[in-house]
Protein backbone atom coordinates (compact mmCIF):
# COMPACT_ATOMS: atom_id res chain seq x y z
CA MET A 1 -7.89 43.17 3.76
CA ASP A 2 -4.43 42.53 5.18
CA VAL A 3 -3.28 45.49 7.24
CA ASN A 4 -0.47 45.95 9.76
CA GLY A 5 0.47 42.32 10.12
CA SER A 6 -3.06 41.01 10.27
CA PHE A 7 -4.48 38.49 7.87
CA ASN A 8 -7.55 38.07 5.71
CA CYS A 9 -10.85 36.70 6.80
CA PHE A 10 -13.67 36.70 4.27
CA PHE A 11 -17.03 35.14 4.93
CA CYS A 12 -19.97 34.68 2.66
CA LEU A 13 -23.56 33.79 3.48
CA ALA A 14 -25.38 32.33 0.49
CA ASN A 15 -29.13 32.29 0.82
CA LYS A 16 -31.87 32.24 -1.82
CA GLY A 17 -29.46 33.19 -4.58
CA ARG A 18 -28.03 36.25 -2.81
CA ILE A 19 -24.40 36.24 -1.71
CA PHE A 20 -23.36 38.36 1.26
CA LEU A 21 -19.63 38.85 1.71
CA LEU A 22 -18.27 40.01 5.05
CA SER A 23 -14.59 40.83 5.02
CA GLY A 24 -12.49 41.87 7.97
CA ILE A 25 -9.22 41.35 9.78
CA ILE A 26 -7.81 39.24 12.55
CA PRO A 27 -5.21 41.03 14.71
CA ALA A 28 -1.60 40.01 14.31
CA GLY A 29 -0.46 37.23 16.59
CA ILE A 30 -3.80 35.43 16.90
CA GLY A 31 -3.19 31.87 15.77
CA ILE A 32 -6.47 31.07 14.09
CA ILE A 33 -7.41 30.86 10.45
CA SER A 34 -10.91 32.27 10.56
CA THR A 35 -13.31 33.70 13.08
CA PHE A 36 -16.48 35.73 13.17
CA SER A 37 -18.96 37.38 15.51
CA LEU A 38 -22.29 35.67 15.86
CA ASP A 39 -24.00 38.23 18.09
CA LYS A 40 -25.44 40.23 15.17
CA ILE A 41 -26.66 37.24 13.16
CA VAL A 42 -30.23 36.05 13.43
CA MET A 43 -29.88 32.50 14.66
CA SER A 44 -31.18 29.75 12.43
CA SER A 45 -32.95 26.90 14.13
CA ARG A 46 -30.64 24.14 12.84
CA VAL A 47 -26.94 24.64 12.22
CA MET A 48 -24.37 22.11 11.02
CA VAL A 49 -20.74 22.85 11.89
CA LEU A 50 -17.93 21.41 9.75
CA GLY A 51 -14.85 21.17 11.94
CA VAL A 52 -13.19 19.81 15.05
CA GLY A 53 -11.68 20.85 18.36
CA ALA A 54 -12.12 24.20 20.07
CA PHE A 55 -13.65 25.83 16.98
CA ALA A 56 -16.52 23.37 16.69
CA HIS A 57 -16.95 23.29 20.48
CA ALA A 58 -17.14 27.09 20.82
CA VAL A 59 -19.38 27.73 17.80
CA GLN A 60 -21.91 25.13 18.92
CA SER A 61 -21.85 26.48 22.46
CA ILE A 62 -22.58 30.05 21.31
CA LEU A 63 -25.28 28.95 18.89
CA GLN A 64 -27.03 26.79 21.47
CA GLU A 65 -27.02 29.65 23.95
CA ASP A 66 -29.10 31.54 21.40
CA GLY A 67 -31.49 28.67 20.93
CA ALA A 68 -30.13 26.91 17.85
CA GLU A 69 -30.03 23.15 17.43
CA THR A 70 -26.56 22.08 16.31
CA ALA A 71 -24.70 19.07 14.98
CA CYS A 72 -21.15 18.61 13.75
CA TYR A 73 -19.47 16.89 10.83
CA LEU A 74 -15.97 16.06 12.10
CA THR A 75 -13.61 16.92 9.25
CA ARG A 76 -10.34 15.66 10.73
CA PRO A 77 -9.29 12.51 12.65
CA TYR A 78 -8.67 14.34 15.94
CA GLY A 79 -10.29 16.88 18.26
CA HIS A 80 -13.60 15.03 18.50
CA TYR A 81 -14.34 15.24 22.21
CA GLY A 82 -15.25 18.94 22.40
CA PRO A 83 -17.82 18.94 19.59
CA SER A 84 -19.36 15.68 20.81
CA ALA A 85 -20.23 17.36 24.13
CA PHE A 86 -22.77 19.57 22.37
CA GLY A 87 -24.77 17.21 20.22
CA GLN A 88 -24.67 14.64 17.48
CA THR A 89 -21.47 14.24 15.50
CA TRP A 90 -20.46 12.29 12.41
CA SER A 91 -16.88 11.46 11.47
CA SER A 92 -15.60 12.05 7.95
CA GLU A 93 -13.85 8.69 8.25
CA ASP A 94 -17.22 6.95 8.61
CA HIS A 95 -19.05 9.33 6.27
CA PRO A 96 -16.78 10.43 3.39
CA SER A 97 -19.45 12.86 2.17
CA PRO A 98 -21.63 15.01 4.46
CA LEU A 99 -24.33 15.46 1.80
CA PRO A 100 -26.46 12.53 3.03
CA LEU A 101 -26.13 13.95 6.54
CA PHE A 102 -27.39 17.33 5.31
CA GLU A 103 -30.41 15.58 3.84
CA LYS A 104 -31.02 13.95 7.20
CA PHE A 105 -30.35 16.94 9.48
CA LYS A 106 -31.79 19.63 7.14
CA PRO A 107 -29.55 22.48 8.35
CA ASP A 108 -30.68 26.07 7.93
CA LEU A 109 -27.02 27.11 7.99
CA ILE A 110 -23.67 25.31 7.54
CA ILE A 111 -20.58 26.83 9.17
CA PRO A 112 -17.19 25.44 8.04
CA GLN A 113 -14.06 25.74 10.14
CA ALA A 114 -11.81 26.52 7.17
CA VAL A 115 -11.73 26.73 3.39
CA ALA A 116 -10.44 23.17 3.04
CA TRP A 117 -14.01 21.95 2.46
CA ALA A 118 -13.87 23.50 -1.03
CA GLU A 119 -11.17 21.00 -2.03
CA GLN A 120 -13.31 17.96 -1.16
CA PRO A 121 -14.89 15.85 -3.92
CA TRP A 122 -18.38 16.68 -2.60
CA ALA A 123 -17.85 20.48 -2.57
CA ALA A 124 -19.26 21.14 -6.06
CA ASP A 125 -22.42 19.17 -5.27
CA LEU A 126 -22.86 21.08 -2.01
CA VAL A 127 -22.83 24.38 -3.89
CA GLN A 128 -24.94 23.11 -6.79
CA GLN A 129 -27.60 21.78 -4.43
CA GLY A 130 -27.83 25.18 -2.77
CA TRP A 131 -26.99 24.28 0.80
CA PRO A 132 -26.60 27.54 2.80
CA ILE A 133 -22.90 27.49 3.67
CA PHE A 134 -21.43 30.47 5.51
CA CYS A 135 -18.37 30.81 3.30
CA PRO A 136 -17.35 32.14 -0.12
CA VAL A 137 -18.26 29.91 -3.04
CA ASN A 138 -17.24 29.67 -6.70
CA ASP A 139 -15.24 32.69 -7.87
CA ALA A 140 -15.62 34.41 -4.50
CA MET A 141 -13.47 31.69 -2.96
CA ARG A 142 -10.50 33.06 -4.91
CA ILE A 143 -10.56 36.17 -2.71
CA GLU A 144 -10.55 34.05 0.41
CA ILE A 145 -7.80 31.68 -0.70
CA SER A 146 -5.36 33.93 -2.58
CA ARG A 147 -3.69 36.64 -0.51
CA GLN A 148 -2.28 38.24 -3.64
CA GLU A 149 -5.64 38.43 -5.42
CA SER A 150 -7.37 39.96 -2.41
CA SER A 151 -4.60 42.53 -1.97
CA GLU A 152 -4.60 43.40 -5.67
CA LEU A 153 -8.38 43.78 -5.62
CA CYS A 154 -8.16 46.24 -2.74
CA ARG A 155 -5.47 48.18 -4.57
CA GLN A 156 -7.57 48.22 -7.76
CA TYR A 157 -10.47 49.87 -5.94
CA GLY A 158 -8.43 52.39 -4.02
CA ILE A 159 -8.32 50.62 -0.66
CA PRO A 160 -4.88 51.14 0.92
CA VAL A 161 -2.87 47.97 1.46
CA PRO A 162 0.69 47.45 2.69
CA ALA A 163 3.41 46.69 0.14
CA PHE A 164 3.36 43.00 -0.79
CA HIS A 165 5.36 40.54 -2.87
CA ASN A 166 4.97 36.94 -3.93
CA VAL A 167 8.13 34.82 -4.41
CA GLN A 168 8.60 31.18 -5.32
CA ASN A 169 11.82 30.22 -3.57
CA ARG A 170 14.61 31.30 -1.23
CA LEU A 171 16.69 32.84 -4.01
CA GLU A 172 13.83 35.11 -5.05
CA ALA A 173 13.24 36.05 -1.41
CA ARG A 174 16.90 37.00 -0.97
CA LYS A 175 16.78 39.08 -4.15
CA LEU A 176 13.63 40.85 -2.92
CA MET A 177 15.33 41.74 0.36
CA GLN A 178 18.22 43.23 -1.58
CA ASP A 179 15.89 45.32 -3.76
CA ASP A 180 13.25 46.25 -1.18
CA PRO A 181 14.48 45.58 2.36
CA ARG A 182 11.69 45.99 4.92
CA PRO A 183 10.24 44.13 7.87
CA TYR A 184 7.62 41.78 6.43
CA VAL A 185 4.89 39.50 7.65
CA LEU A 186 5.56 36.12 6.03
CA LYS A 187 2.60 34.01 4.94
CA ASN A 188 1.70 31.16 2.68
CA PRO A 189 0.37 32.51 -0.65
CA ILE A 190 -2.67 30.27 -0.36
CA CYS A 191 -4.79 30.46 2.78
CA SER A 192 -5.42 26.94 4.06
CA PRO A 193 -5.32 25.18 7.44
CA PHE A 194 -2.76 22.81 5.94
CA SER A 195 -0.43 25.51 4.62
CA PRO A 196 3.28 24.94 5.33
CA ILE A 197 3.57 28.55 6.54
CA HIS A 198 1.28 30.49 8.82
CA ALA A 199 1.75 34.16 9.72
CA ILE A 200 5.30 34.95 10.88
CA ILE A 201 5.56 38.55 12.05
CA CYS A 202 9.00 40.06 11.45
CA GLU A 203 9.39 43.42 13.19
CA SER A 204 12.75 44.23 11.62
CA VAL A 205 14.72 43.62 8.43
CA THR A 206 17.03 41.36 10.45
CA ASP A 207 14.06 39.23 11.53
CA THR A 208 12.90 38.94 7.93
CA LEU A 209 16.36 37.97 6.65
CA GLY A 210 16.53 35.27 9.29
CA TRP A 211 13.12 33.78 8.61
CA ILE A 212 13.37 33.64 4.82
CA GLU A 213 16.20 31.14 5.33
CA ARG A 214 14.00 28.87 7.44
CA VAL A 215 10.51 28.76 5.94
CA ASP A 216 9.11 26.04 3.68
CA TYR A 217 8.77 27.27 0.07
CA ALA A 218 6.65 24.32 -1.08
CA GLU A 219 3.86 26.71 -2.14
CA GLY A 220 5.95 29.87 -2.41
CA LEU A 221 6.02 32.78 0.03
CA PHE A 222 3.83 35.87 0.40
CA LEU A 223 5.58 38.84 2.04
CA GLN A 224 3.52 41.74 3.30
CA GLU A 225 5.02 44.91 4.75
CA TYR A 226 4.87 45.04 8.55
CA LEU A 227 3.45 48.38 9.67
CA GLY A 228 3.36 47.99 13.43
CA LYS A 229 0.79 46.88 15.97
CA GLU A 230 -2.02 49.24 15.00
CA GLU A 231 -5.10 47.65 13.45
CA ALA A 232 -7.41 48.71 10.63
CA GLY A 233 -9.84 46.99 8.32
CA HIS A 234 -12.83 47.14 6.02
CA PHE A 235 -16.17 45.42 6.33
CA VAL A 236 -18.09 44.92 3.13
CA PHE A 237 -21.44 43.44 2.18
CA ILE A 238 -21.78 42.73 -1.55
CA THR A 239 -24.54 41.20 -3.65
CA PRO A 240 -24.74 41.04 -7.44
CA SER A 241 -26.52 44.39 -7.59
CA ASP A 242 -26.57 45.98 -4.12
CA GLU A 243 -24.26 47.31 -1.48
CA PHE A 244 -25.07 47.66 2.20
CA SER A 245 -23.48 50.34 4.34
CA THR A 246 -22.14 49.24 7.69
CA GLY A 247 -22.26 52.75 9.09
CA THR A 248 -18.88 54.36 9.58
CA THR A 249 -16.98 51.43 8.08
CA PRO A 250 -15.64 52.04 4.52
CA ILE A 251 -17.33 49.88 1.89
CA PHE A 252 -16.87 49.17 -1.79
CA THR A 253 -18.69 47.26 -4.48
CA SER A 254 -18.16 46.52 -8.15
CA SER A 255 -19.87 44.72 -10.97
CA CYS A 256 -16.77 42.55 -11.34
CA MET A 257 -17.70 40.88 -8.07
CA THR A 258 -20.91 39.18 -9.16
CA TRP A 259 -20.72 35.65 -7.91
C-alpha cells in the first residue's frame, strides 16, 4: 500500500498451487523498484535470479551465505560483472528464453528483479509450466503493476490510503492542481523498471506545480498525496481460502482475490 510518499511492493510465492502474497512499503527516497527480506524465508537449495547489477549480486550473495546454490539469467545488456562473481550466468542476448535454462538448472525458486519479466513472450509458458517464481502472476500481477488498482483495492476494504489521482496529460494535471492543490508524490501509473517517471517527492504545492510541467506524460501520471516522512504499511498473506496473521500487522483477505 502506498503511504506517506512510499511506493508499492507486492511479492508472491507460488508453490504447489498455493499463492502467497506479501505486500509492504519501501520508504520514500529509496531508489529501487522492489526489495524484500530473505532472513525469514526457508532457503531453497537452488535459486535462479532474473536480473543484473547490484540486485542480482546482492541477492545471490545473501542466498549463498545461507547455503543456497544460485545462478543468474541476465535480463539486460549491462551490469553483468556483479552477478557473474557468484556463479553461472546466462545472457538474454544469447538465450532469448530462460525456460530451457530452468530445465537444465532445475531451480527450487526463481527471483525476478522486476515485473518486466511478465511482458516477455515466454512469461505465459513459465506460469503454465508451474515454475516457482517469487512474484505475482496472472490477475495478481495487476495489483503489482497498477498503482491505481492497488490503491482502490485498499480503499474498498477499508485500508486507509492517501488521496490519489490519475491524469493523462499536463492539462489534466494543471486542472487537478486548481481543483485539489496539495503536495503530491508523482509516479508513473504503471510500475515498471522502464517507466518514464519514477517517484518524485514534492513536499509543497509549489514543488508539485513545478514538476508537473517537467515530467513525461507518455503513460500518464499518478499523483498521490504527500503526508510527510512518517512510514506505515500493511503486510498480507493471502491464499484462495486462507489468511495468515503476521502478528500485530493489519491483514485483510477477500474471495475476490483468488488467483
